[in-house]
Amino acid sequence: MEIHLDGKRVQVPAGSRLGDLLPEWDFRYSVAVIRPALEEDAAESQEIRFVTTVGDIVVEMADPAFAARLLSPGLAEDLRLHWQDRYAAALGPFESGIRPARRPGRYERGDVVLGCGGYDPSKSYVIFVRMRHSADYGAPEDGGIIGRVVTGRGLLDRLAEGDHVTGIERILRRADRAHAIITRDAEMPLEDGMQVISYVEAEVQGAGQDHIDTATARSVEHFLLSVQTGRFRTDRSSSTYIADGHLVPTKVPLEFSGPRLEGAITVRTAGKSAGAVYIYTQGVSASPAHTVVGRVVHGLELVRFAGDGDLLAIRAKPEQFDLVGLSLAEAKEVAARRGIALTADEGEGDRMVVAQTPATTLEVLAAGTVRVATEPLESVVSITLDEAAAPRSVTLFREVTGLKHHAVGKMPLVFTFEDVFLFKPKIAKGIGIIPENTPTGEVPAYTLAMTNDSRRGAGMVGIRTTPNAEFGPTSEPLTGTNVIGKVLDAGSLATMREGATVYIREVK
């Protein structure tokens, strides 16, 4: 049997099952399986396939009228590479009825533009944009964007002299979900001609082939953090999007409020769901509460059919560049592998990276260099957190120490006496700490705890190096103590003085 696995044709024996096709797959993750459909079960979409001499380029058309124009007999024969530069490639010429605005427009990689040469509509071109830039292409007042490349974006850089379009066709899309299945069943039998989509691949906003634009660096970093484990958890699905809210709430800046086309990825910047990541299955207008951070370049079928509770495998290009929490030796290896020059504050001894500059992936890649601050390994306290027993307190603790965003966090040591170490992370006013996971018996040594709102010292974090049945690690009664975890390795904590910054590393 022939199976289409993530766009590649694979031959498998008759009677094979999904687990045979994906022998090393973690079936906690959902995959999309699309059965072959009869032609009468399919419907036309707004996606057009340009069959070119370098491969197939699929474009989601924003203008149905021009989509029909492209499909008219004979037009494909006129689409030959007429000119190109690092920013775009133009195919044509042909005649159109556009009215050029005679002013520049702003374009993103993957945009498809209808423009004309010399402001003459009889010399019109389909222009594929290779990288973000501004230019006057003789386009109409609205900028002339007629669509966006959804498949084959890498081919845009391969178009060269002599290349041309050999055919244009409309893509058929399944009219309903009767032929599509989202499954985690390794025993599902395969059928000849099935399509299997196992993962989603995303290209982040601002990351081009030859240029890195850092205008969206902070919001993109939030997206890369959200998917750094390779997981997209569908907490919510609708007719137009799926959303992962596991980092809600997080303040994310509005850096690029662009149209949310099918396959667009955004982060919500305001409201109760601030910090949630959205992937769109249908195009909707731009929103002042959403910043665009990327676009799906593979696996959109998996996104289209995913429902509440589905866990999707996702890859991001480029992958996040975050050295915090690595040993200095590991950080040097990662930087070398990715072609980044690394400078450290200390180059000798067993040290751990506790901060990096620039802080975001796009800024590091644009600069080609990174500086890291390190601490001796023995100075970093290793802890585990009990999220299942104290979810609210643990979430707050990660937020105020920085562990929500990095593998290493920090908090100020404000007081020490006998067997107690007290810390006071900065917690915003109005944040409630309800009693949660309060101990009822003896509290073991090296328990990590936070004082709850029943006591005046709410928000204080403590560690006690000896067991105690009367007071918790923050020296409050047990009813005022929320146990959030334990210390695995106190390192050199005993030698630290009040006022010192203590670095902590969460072990999962």
Protein backbone atom coordinates (compact mmCIF):
# COMPACT_ATOMS: atom_id res chain seq x y z
CA MET A 1 0.00 0.00 0.00
CA GLU A 2 1.05 3.58 -0.58
CA ILE A 3 0.63 5.99 2.34
CA HIS A 4 1.29 9.73 2.24
CA LEU A 5 3.14 10.38 5.52
CA ASP A 6 3.75 14.07 6.20
CA GLY A 7 3.92 14.78 2.47
CA LYS A 8 6.16 11.83 1.59
CA ARG A 9 5.06 8.67 -0.18
CA VAL A 10 5.75 5.55 1.87
CA GLN A 11 5.21 1.93 0.82
CA VAL A 12 3.90 -0.38 3.57
CA PRO A 13 2.74 -4.01 3.49
CA ALA A 14 -0.96 -4.74 3.17
CA GLY A 15 -2.60 -5.07 6.58
CA SER A 16 -0.25 -2.56 8.24
CA ARG A 17 -1.42 -0.51 11.19
CA LEU A 18 -0.66 3.03 12.25
CA GLY A 19 1.91 1.86 14.80
CA ASP A 20 3.78 0.03 12.03
CA LEU A 21 4.00 3.25 10.04
CA LEU A 22 5.13 5.19 13.15
CA PRO A 23 7.07 2.60 15.18
CA GLU A 24 8.73 5.09 17.55
CA TRP A 25 5.75 7.44 17.91
CA ASP A 26 4.53 8.57 21.33
CA PHE A 27 0.79 7.93 21.02
CA ARG A 28 -0.05 10.49 23.65
CA TYR A 29 0.12 12.80 20.63
CA SER A 30 -2.76 12.87 18.16
CA VAL A 31 -2.22 12.35 14.45
CA ALA A 32 -4.56 13.14 11.57
CA VAL A 33 -5.54 10.31 9.24
CA ILE A 34 -7.39 11.24 6.05
CA ARG A 35 -9.02 8.47 4.05
CA PRO A 36 -9.16 8.71 0.25
CA ALA A 37 -12.38 10.43 -0.80
CA LEU A 38 -14.44 10.16 -3.93
CA GLU A 39 -14.43 13.25 -6.13
CA GLU A 40 -18.07 13.95 -5.33
CA ASP A 41 -17.16 14.09 -1.63
CA ALA A 42 -14.75 16.97 -2.20
CA ALA A 43 -15.31 20.71 -2.48
CA GLU A 44 -13.39 23.56 -4.02
CA SER A 45 -11.18 25.66 -1.75
CA GLN A 46 -9.49 29.01 -2.17
CA GLU A 47 -6.11 27.28 -2.51
CA ILE A 48 -4.40 27.36 -5.91
CA ARG A 49 -1.49 25.10 -6.88
CA PHE A 50 1.17 26.64 -9.13
CA VAL A 51 2.97 23.73 -10.80
CA THR A 52 6.42 25.14 -11.60
CA THR A 53 9.70 23.82 -12.94
CA VAL A 54 11.13 23.89 -9.39
CA GLY A 55 8.13 22.22 -7.68
CA ASP A 56 4.59 22.87 -6.50
CA ILE A 57 3.74 26.15 -4.74
CA VAL A 58 0.33 26.26 -3.04
CA VAL A 59 -1.22 29.69 -2.49
CA GLU A 60 -4.24 30.52 -0.37
CA MET A 61 -6.02 33.15 -2.44
CA ALA A 62 -7.54 36.19 -0.70
CA ASP A 63 -9.37 37.31 -3.86
CA PRO A 64 -11.80 34.69 -5.29
CA ALA A 65 -12.24 36.73 -8.46
CA PHE A 66 -8.55 36.71 -9.24
CA ALA A 67 -8.33 33.02 -8.32
CA ALA A 68 -10.81 32.37 -11.14
CA ARG A 69 -8.74 34.61 -13.44
CA LEU A 70 -5.62 32.54 -12.78
CA LEU A 71 -7.48 29.39 -13.79
CA SER A 72 -8.49 30.82 -17.17
CA PRO A 73 -7.08 28.86 -20.16
CA GLY A 74 -3.69 29.96 -21.41
CA LEU A 75 -2.69 32.21 -18.49
CA ALA A 76 -0.20 29.71 -17.05
CA GLU A 77 1.78 29.88 -20.30
CA ASP A 78 2.46 33.57 -19.66
CA LEU A 79 3.87 33.04 -16.17
CA ARG A 80 7.61 32.88 -16.71
CA LEU A 81 10.25 34.29 -14.38
CA HIS A 82 10.65 37.83 -15.73
CA TRP A 83 12.82 39.35 -12.99
CA GLN A 84 14.05 38.56 -9.50
CA ASP A 85 16.13 39.96 -6.67
CA ARG A 86 16.70 39.04 -3.03
CA TYR A 87 13.29 40.45 -2.09
CA ALA A 88 10.94 38.96 -4.70
CA ALA A 89 10.43 37.01 -7.91
CA ALA A 90 7.99 38.17 -10.61
CA LEU A 91 6.26 35.89 -13.14
CA GLY A 92 4.56 37.25 -16.25
CA PRO A 93 3.77 39.48 -18.01
CA PHE A 94 0.05 39.28 -18.69
CA GLU A 95 -2.82 41.73 -18.92
CA SER A 96 -4.96 42.67 -15.91
CA GLY A 97 -7.39 45.41 -15.04
CA ILE A 98 -5.63 46.75 -11.94
CA ARG A 99 -5.26 50.47 -11.21
CA PRO A 100 -1.76 51.10 -9.81
CA ALA A 101 -1.63 53.39 -6.77
CA ARG A 102 1.92 54.62 -7.46
CA ARG A 103 3.07 54.23 -3.87
CA PRO A 104 5.04 51.58 -1.95
CA GLY A 105 3.46 48.77 0.02
CA ARG A 106 4.83 46.68 2.90
CA TYR A 107 5.13 42.94 2.30
CA GLU A 108 5.99 39.79 4.24
CA ARG A 109 7.74 36.61 3.10
CA GLY A 110 5.20 34.37 1.40
CA ASP A 111 2.91 37.20 0.24
CA VAL A 112 1.72 36.92 -3.36
CA VAL A 113 1.27 40.32 -5.01
CA LEU A 114 -0.43 41.46 -8.20
CA GLY A 115 1.56 44.35 -9.63
CA CYS A 116 2.56 45.83 -12.97
CA GLY A 117 5.66 47.21 -14.68
CA GLY A 118 5.82 50.91 -15.52
CA TYR A 119 2.33 51.33 -14.03
CA ASP A 120 1.02 49.59 -17.18
CA PRO A 121 -1.71 47.01 -16.40
CA SER A 122 -1.00 45.27 -19.71
CA LYS A 123 2.36 44.28 -18.21
CA SER A 124 1.13 42.71 -14.97
CA TYR A 125 2.99 40.19 -12.84
CA VAL A 126 2.36 37.66 -10.09
CA ILE A 127 5.07 38.54 -7.56
CA PHE A 128 6.22 36.06 -4.91
CA VAL A 129 7.75 37.86 -1.91
CA ARG A 130 10.95 36.29 -0.56
CA MET A 131 11.53 38.49 2.49
CA ARG A 132 9.94 41.35 4.43
CA HIS A 133 10.40 44.71 2.73
CA SER A 134 8.67 47.80 1.31
CA ALA A 135 8.44 48.39 -2.44
CA ASP A 136 6.33 49.97 -5.19
CA TYR A 137 5.28 47.14 -7.50
CA GLY A 138 2.65 49.11 -9.37
CA ALA A 139 0.03 47.49 -7.17
CA PRO A 140 -3.49 48.76 -6.41
CA GLU A 141 -4.32 50.99 -3.44
CA ASP A 142 -4.75 48.01 -1.08
CA GLY A 143 -1.18 46.82 -1.71
CA GLY A 144 -2.15 44.15 -4.22
CA ILE A 145 -1.75 41.13 -1.93
CA ILE A 146 -3.86 38.44 -3.63
CA GLY A 147 -2.81 35.50 -1.48
CA ARG A 148 -0.15 33.86 0.63
CA VAL A 149 2.05 30.81 0.08
CA VAL A 150 0.97 27.98 2.39
CA THR A 151 3.07 25.15 0.92
CA GLY A 152 6.37 25.33 -0.94
CA ARG A 153 7.66 28.54 0.59
CA GLY A 154 11.22 27.22 0.41
CA LEU A 155 10.88 27.00 -3.38
CA LEU A 156 10.59 30.79 -3.63
CA ASP A 157 14.35 31.05 -3.13
CA ARG A 158 15.03 28.46 -5.85
CA LEU A 159 13.23 30.20 -8.70
CA ALA A 160 15.89 31.18 -11.23
CA GLU A 161 16.29 32.26 -14.83
CA GLY A 162 14.37 29.98 -17.17
CA ASP A 163 11.90 28.75 -14.56
CA HIS A 164 8.21 29.02 -15.36
CA VAL A 165 4.73 27.81 -14.43
CA THR A 166 3.62 24.67 -16.24
CA GLY A 167 0.09 24.53 -14.86
CA ILE A 168 -2.36 26.10 -12.41
CA GLU A 169 -5.11 24.15 -10.65
CA ARG A 170 -7.54 24.61 -7.80
CA ILE A 171 -7.05 22.29 -4.82
CA LEU A 172 -10.00 20.21 -3.67
CA ARG A 173 -10.71 20.21 0.05
CA ARG A 174 -12.82 17.69 1.91
CA ALA A 175 -16.34 18.98 2.31
CA ASP A 176 -16.73 17.53 5.82
CA ARG A 177 -14.97 15.46 8.45
CA ALA A 178 -16.34 12.13 7.25
CA HIS A 179 -12.97 11.15 5.80
CA ALA A 180 -10.72 12.66 8.50
CA ILE A 181 -9.88 11.05 11.83
CA ILE A 182 -7.84 12.38 14.76
CA THR A 183 -6.47 9.39 16.60
CA ARG A 184 -3.99 8.10 19.16
CA ASP A 185 -4.72 4.46 18.30
CA ALA A 186 -1.58 2.60 17.20
CA GLU A 187 -3.76 -0.36 16.12
CA MET A 188 -5.74 1.63 13.58
CA PRO A 189 -5.63 -0.25 10.23
CA LEU A 190 -4.21 1.63 7.26
CA GLU A 191 -5.79 1.84 3.81
CA ASP A 192 -4.13 2.36 0.45
CA GLY A 193 -3.96 6.06 -0.41
CA MET A 194 -4.38 7.35 3.16
CA GLN A 195 -2.76 10.58 4.25
CA VAL A 196 -1.16 10.66 7.72
CA ILE A 197 -0.09 13.97 9.26
CA SER A 198 1.84 13.52 12.49
CA TYR A 199 3.18 16.97 13.36
CA VAL A 200 2.82 20.70 12.87
CA GLU A 201 5.75 22.80 11.71
CA ALA A 202 5.76 26.56 12.20
CA GLU A 203 7.92 29.35 10.78
CA VAL A 204 8.20 32.30 13.16
CA GLN A 205 7.56 35.92 12.21
CA GLY A 206 10.73 37.80 11.34
CA ALA A 207 12.97 34.81 10.59
CA GLY A 208 13.92 35.01 6.90
CA GLN A 209 16.48 33.14 4.84
CA ASP A 210 18.91 36.05 4.63
CA HIS A 211 17.64 38.47 7.25
CA ILE A 212 16.36 38.42 10.83
CA ASP A 213 13.82 41.11 11.72
CA THR A 214 13.72 41.67 15.50
CA ALA A 215 10.54 43.79 15.52
CA THR A 216 8.57 40.81 16.88
CA ALA A 217 11.36 39.39 19.06
CA ARG A 218 9.53 39.41 22.42
CA SER A 219 6.21 38.00 21.23
CA VAL A 220 7.98 35.36 19.13
CA GLU A 221 10.02 34.39 22.19
CA HIS A 222 6.80 33.76 24.09
CA PHE A 223 5.59 31.48 21.31
CA LEU A 224 8.92 29.59 21.24
CA LEU A 225 8.71 29.19 25.02
CA SER A 226 5.16 27.85 24.70
CA VAL A 227 6.23 25.11 22.26
CA GLN A 228 9.76 24.47 23.54
CA THR A 229 8.76 20.97 24.69
CA GLY A 230 7.41 20.16 21.22
CA ARG A 231 3.81 20.13 22.47
CA PHE A 232 0.72 22.12 21.57
CA ARG A 233 -2.13 21.32 23.96
CA THR A 234 -5.52 22.10 22.44
CA ASP A 235 -7.30 23.64 25.40
CA ARG A 236 -9.95 25.23 23.20
CA SER A 237 -11.10 24.71 19.61
CA SER A 238 -13.63 26.55 17.47
CA SER A 239 -14.62 26.82 13.83
CA THR A 240 -11.77 29.29 13.20
CA TYR A 241 -8.90 28.37 15.57
CA ILE A 242 -7.37 26.09 18.17
CA ALA A 243 -5.72 27.57 21.27
CA ASP A 244 -3.14 26.50 23.88
CA GLY A 245 -3.47 28.42 27.15
CA HIS A 246 -0.96 26.72 29.41
CA LEU A 247 1.07 29.96 29.81
CA VAL A 248 -1.99 32.10 30.63
CA PRO A 249 -1.73 34.67 32.10
CA THR A 250 1.39 36.26 30.62
CA LYS A 251 1.92 39.83 29.48
CA VAL A 252 2.95 39.80 25.83
CA PRO A 253 3.52 43.01 23.81
CA LEU A 254 1.52 43.79 20.67
CA GLU A 255 4.25 43.87 18.03
CA PHE A 256 2.55 42.93 14.75
CA SER A 257 -1.22 43.17 14.40
CA GLY A 258 -1.60 41.63 10.96
CA PRO A 259 -4.36 39.65 9.24
CA ARG A 260 -5.01 36.25 10.78
CA LEU A 261 -5.07 34.11 7.63
CA GLU A 262 -5.57 30.36 7.66
CA GLY A 263 -2.45 28.89 9.27
CA ALA A 264 -1.49 32.12 11.04
CA ILE A 265 -0.21 31.82 14.62
CA THR A 266 -0.92 34.59 17.11
CA VAL A 267 -0.53 35.29 20.82
CA ARG A 268 -3.30 37.07 22.67
CA THR A 269 -1.99 40.25 24.29
CA ALA A 270 -4.99 41.38 26.36
CA GLY A 271 -7.88 39.99 28.37
CA LYS A 272 -8.25 36.91 30.56
CA SER A 273 -6.52 34.72 27.96
CA ALA A 274 -3.42 36.93 27.57
CA GLY A 275 -0.50 34.67 26.71
CA ALA A 276 -2.55 32.01 24.93
CA VAL A 277 -1.29 30.82 21.54
CA TYR A 278 -3.79 30.55 18.66
CA ILE A 279 -3.51 28.74 15.33
CA TYR A 280 -6.14 29.71 12.77
CA THR A 281 -8.02 27.26 10.56
CA GLN A 282 -9.93 30.02 8.77
CA GLY A 283 -8.97 33.57 7.95
CA VAL A 284 -10.29 36.37 10.18
CA SER A 285 -9.47 40.07 10.35
CA ALA A 286 -6.63 41.57 12.38
CA SER A 287 -7.24 42.24 16.08
CA PRO A 288 -5.66 44.78 18.47
CA ALA A 289 -5.61 42.00 21.08
CA HIS A 290 -3.56 39.56 18.96
CA THR A 291 0.04 39.79 17.77
CA VAL A 292 1.11 37.59 14.84
CA VAL A 293 4.11 35.41 15.71
CA GLY A 294 4.31 32.90 12.87
CA ARG A 295 2.64 30.67 10.35
CA VAL A 296 2.09 26.93 9.88
CA VAL A 297 4.17 25.60 6.99
CA HIS A 298 3.32 21.91 7.50
CA GLY A 299 0.51 20.03 9.21
CA LEU A 300 -2.38 22.43 8.72
CA GLU A 301 -4.66 19.42 8.19
CA LEU A 302 -3.84 18.25 11.71
CA VAL A 303 -4.74 21.69 13.05
CA ARG A 304 -8.02 21.79 11.08
CA PHE A 305 -9.38 18.62 12.62
CA ALA A 306 -7.93 18.83 16.16
CA GLY A 307 -10.44 19.14 18.99
CA ASP A 308 -10.48 19.99 22.68
CA GLY A 309 -7.95 17.91 24.61
CA ASP A 310 -5.82 16.86 21.63
CA LEU A 311 -2.06 17.03 22.16
CA LEU A 312 -0.21 17.90 18.95
CA ALA A 313 3.48 17.52 18.17
CA ILE A 314 4.86 20.86 16.94
CA ARG A 315 8.21 22.08 15.67
CA ALA A 316 9.25 25.72 15.32
CA LYS A 317 11.80 27.19 12.92
CA PRO A 318 14.11 28.48 14.18
CA GLU A 319 14.17 26.62 17.49
CA GLN A 320 14.43 28.65 20.66
CA PHE A 321 17.90 29.85 21.64
CA ASP A 322 17.91 29.80 25.44
CA LEU A 323 21.11 28.88 27.28
CA VAL A 324 19.81 29.60 30.80
CA GLY A 325 20.01 26.47 32.94
CA LEU A 326 22.74 24.82 30.88
CA SER A 327 26.23 24.20 32.14
CA LEU A 328 28.78 26.51 30.56
CA ALA A 329 30.22 23.58 28.61
CA GLU A 330 26.77 22.70 27.24
CA ALA A 331 26.10 26.34 26.37
CA LYS A 332 29.32 26.53 24.37
CA GLU A 333 28.34 23.41 22.43
CA VAL A 334 24.87 24.79 21.59
CA ALA A 335 26.26 28.17 20.52
CA ALA A 336 28.89 26.53 18.30
CA ARG A 337 26.31 24.24 16.69
CA ARG A 338 24.13 27.21 15.79
CA GLY A 339 26.98 29.44 14.66
CA ILE A 340 26.73 31.94 17.53
CA ALA A 341 29.81 33.48 19.16
CA LEU A 342 29.60 33.10 22.96
CA THR A 343 31.25 35.28 25.59
CA ALA A 344 31.07 34.28 29.28
CA ASP A 345 31.75 36.30 32.42
CA GLU A 346 33.86 33.42 33.72
CA GLY A 347 35.47 30.82 31.52
CA GLU A 348 36.79 28.36 34.07
CA GLY A 349 35.27 25.82 36.47
CA ASP A 350 31.92 24.05 36.65
CA ARG A 351 29.45 26.85 36.12
CA MET A 352 25.79 27.21 35.14
CA VAL A 353 24.33 29.89 32.86
CA VAL A 354 21.87 32.06 34.81
CA ALA A 355 21.28 34.84 32.25
CA GLN A 356 21.96 35.63 28.60
CA THR A 357 22.14 38.84 26.57
CA PRO A 358 20.40 39.36 24.17
CA ALA A 359 17.51 37.62 25.87
CA THR A 360 15.46 36.62 22.81
CA THR A 361 16.11 34.12 20.04
CA LEU A 362 15.65 36.54 17.13
CA GLU A 363 17.97 39.12 18.69
CA VAL A 364 20.68 36.49 19.26
CA LEU A 365 20.38 35.19 15.70
CA ALA A 366 20.44 38.73 14.27
CA ALA A 367 23.51 39.69 16.28
CA GLY A 368 25.33 36.40 15.80
CA THR A 369 26.70 36.68 19.32
CA VAL A 370 25.56 36.15 22.90
CA ARG A 371 26.93 37.04 26.35
CA VAL A 372 26.16 34.83 29.34
CA ALA A 373 26.30 35.34 33.10
CA THR A 374 27.20 32.25 35.13
CA GLU A 375 27.28 31.00 38.69
CA PRO A 376 29.25 28.09 40.20
CA LEU A 377 27.16 24.91 40.05
CA GLU A 378 27.32 24.54 43.83
CA SER A 379 25.70 27.98 44.24
CA VAL A 380 22.51 26.95 42.43
CA VAL A 381 19.83 25.35 44.61
CA SER A 382 18.02 22.41 42.97
CA ILE A 383 14.32 21.99 43.77
CA THR A 384 11.22 20.07 42.68
CA LEU A 385 7.74 21.59 42.69
CA ASP A 386 4.51 19.73 43.51
CA GLU A 387 2.15 21.24 40.95
CA ALA A 388 -0.47 18.51 41.43
CA ALA A 389 -0.87 19.26 45.15
CA ALA A 390 -0.53 23.06 45.03
CA PRO A 391 -1.24 24.22 41.46
CA ARG A 392 -2.01 27.87 42.22
CA SER A 393 0.90 28.41 44.60
CA VAL A 394 3.36 26.66 42.28
CA THR A 395 2.17 28.72 39.30
CA LEU A 396 2.67 31.92 41.30
CA PHE A 397 6.10 30.78 42.52
CA ARG A 398 7.27 30.08 38.97
CA GLU A 399 5.97 33.46 37.85
CA VAL A 400 7.69 35.56 40.53
CA THR A 401 11.01 33.70 40.42
CA GLY A 402 11.34 33.54 36.63
CA LEU A 403 11.02 29.75 36.43
CA LYS A 404 7.98 30.22 34.21
CA HIS A 405 10.25 31.45 31.43
CA HIS A 406 13.62 29.83 32.11
CA ALA A 407 15.13 26.71 33.67
CA VAL A 408 16.80 28.87 36.35
CA GLY A 409 15.06 31.44 38.53
CA LYS A 410 16.13 33.66 41.39
CA MET A 411 14.87 35.16 44.65
CA PRO A 412 16.38 37.39 47.34
CA LEU A 413 17.48 35.88 50.65
CA VAL A 414 16.08 38.31 53.25
CA PHE A 415 16.59 36.54 56.58
CA THR A 416 18.36 33.54 58.10
CA PHE A 417 18.31 32.16 61.62
CA GLU A 418 19.19 28.73 63.01
CA ASP A 419 17.63 26.24 60.57
CA VAL A 420 15.42 28.65 58.56
CA PHE A 421 16.09 30.54 55.31
CA LEU A 422 13.48 33.12 54.28
CA PHE A 423 13.04 34.65 50.83
CA LYS A 424 10.78 37.46 49.63
CA PRO A 425 10.01 37.31 45.90
CA LYS A 426 8.32 40.40 44.48
CA ILE A 427 4.59 39.68 44.23
CA ALA A 428 2.21 42.24 42.72
CA LYS A 429 -0.42 43.76 44.96
CA GLY A 430 -3.81 42.09 44.89
CA ILE A 431 -2.48 38.60 44.16
CA GLY A 432 -4.26 36.15 46.42
CA ILE A 433 -2.54 33.12 47.96
CA ILE A 434 -5.32 30.86 49.17
CA PRO A 435 -4.53 28.06 51.67
CA GLU A 436 -3.41 25.09 49.62
CA ASN A 437 -1.62 21.85 50.49
CA THR A 438 -1.25 22.87 54.14
CA PRO A 439 0.58 20.20 56.20
CA THR A 440 -1.14 18.34 59.04
CA GLY A 441 1.79 16.61 60.65
CA GLU A 442 5.52 16.94 60.89
CA VAL A 443 7.02 18.91 58.00
CA PRO A 444 10.15 17.12 56.70
CA ALA A 445 13.49 18.85 56.48
CA TYR A 446 14.22 20.79 53.27
CA THR A 447 10.54 21.29 52.46
CA LEU A 448 9.89 24.36 50.28
CA ALA A 449 6.82 26.39 51.28
CA MET A 450 5.03 29.72 50.81
CA THR A 451 3.03 31.64 53.42
CA ASN A 452 -0.64 31.97 52.46
CA ASP A 453 -3.09 34.85 52.96
CA SER A 454 -4.12 33.71 56.44
CA ARG A 455 -0.91 35.28 57.80
CA ARG A 456 0.52 38.81 57.57
CA GLY A 457 3.67 37.54 55.88
CA ALA A 458 1.80 36.22 52.82
CA GLY A 459 4.13 35.57 49.90
CA MET A 460 7.18 34.75 52.00
CA VAL A 461 9.04 31.63 50.83
CA GLY A 462 10.96 29.47 53.26
CA ILE A 463 13.23 26.45 53.63
CA ARG A 464 13.83 24.70 56.96
CA THR A 465 16.79 22.35 57.22
CA THR A 466 15.30 20.28 60.09
CA PRO A 467 11.86 18.64 60.51
CA ASN A 468 9.24 20.49 62.57
CA ALA A 469 5.72 19.52 63.64
CA GLU A 470 4.66 22.96 64.91
CA PHE A 471 5.86 25.52 62.37
CA GLY A 472 6.33 25.41 58.62
CA PRO A 473 9.46 26.39 56.63
CA THR A 474 8.48 30.11 56.77
CA SER A 475 8.16 29.89 60.59
CA GLU A 476 4.39 30.31 60.37
CA PRO A 477 1.83 27.89 61.88
CA LEU A 478 1.00 24.94 59.64
CA THR A 479 -2.39 26.46 58.70
CA GLY A 480 -0.56 29.43 57.19
CA THR A 481 1.84 27.29 55.20
CA ASN A 482 1.40 26.15 51.59
CA VAL A 483 3.85 23.36 50.78
CA ILE A 484 4.99 23.78 47.16
CA GLY A 485 7.92 21.39 46.83
CA LYS A 486 11.22 20.30 48.27
CA VAL A 487 14.91 21.07 48.03
CA LEU A 488 17.00 18.35 46.38
CA ASP A 489 20.39 20.02 46.75
CA ALA A 490 20.86 23.09 48.94
CA GLY A 491 24.35 23.63 47.54
CA SER A 492 26.15 26.48 49.27
CA LEU A 493 22.96 28.02 50.66
CA ALA A 494 24.28 27.79 54.23
CA THR A 495 27.18 30.12 53.38
CA MET A 496 25.02 32.85 51.79
CA ARG A 497 24.36 36.07 53.62
CA GLU A 498 21.15 38.05 53.94
CA GLY A 499 20.59 40.23 50.86
CA ALA A 500 22.16 37.72 48.49
CA THR A 501 20.43 36.62 45.30
CA VAL A 502 19.82 32.88 45.40
CA TYR A 503 19.52 31.04 42.09
CA ILE A 504 17.21 28.05 41.91
CA ARG A 505 16.88 25.32 39.31
CA GLU A 506 13.70 23.28 38.91
CA VAL A 507 14.27 19.58 38.31
CA LYS A 508 11.33 17.95 36.51
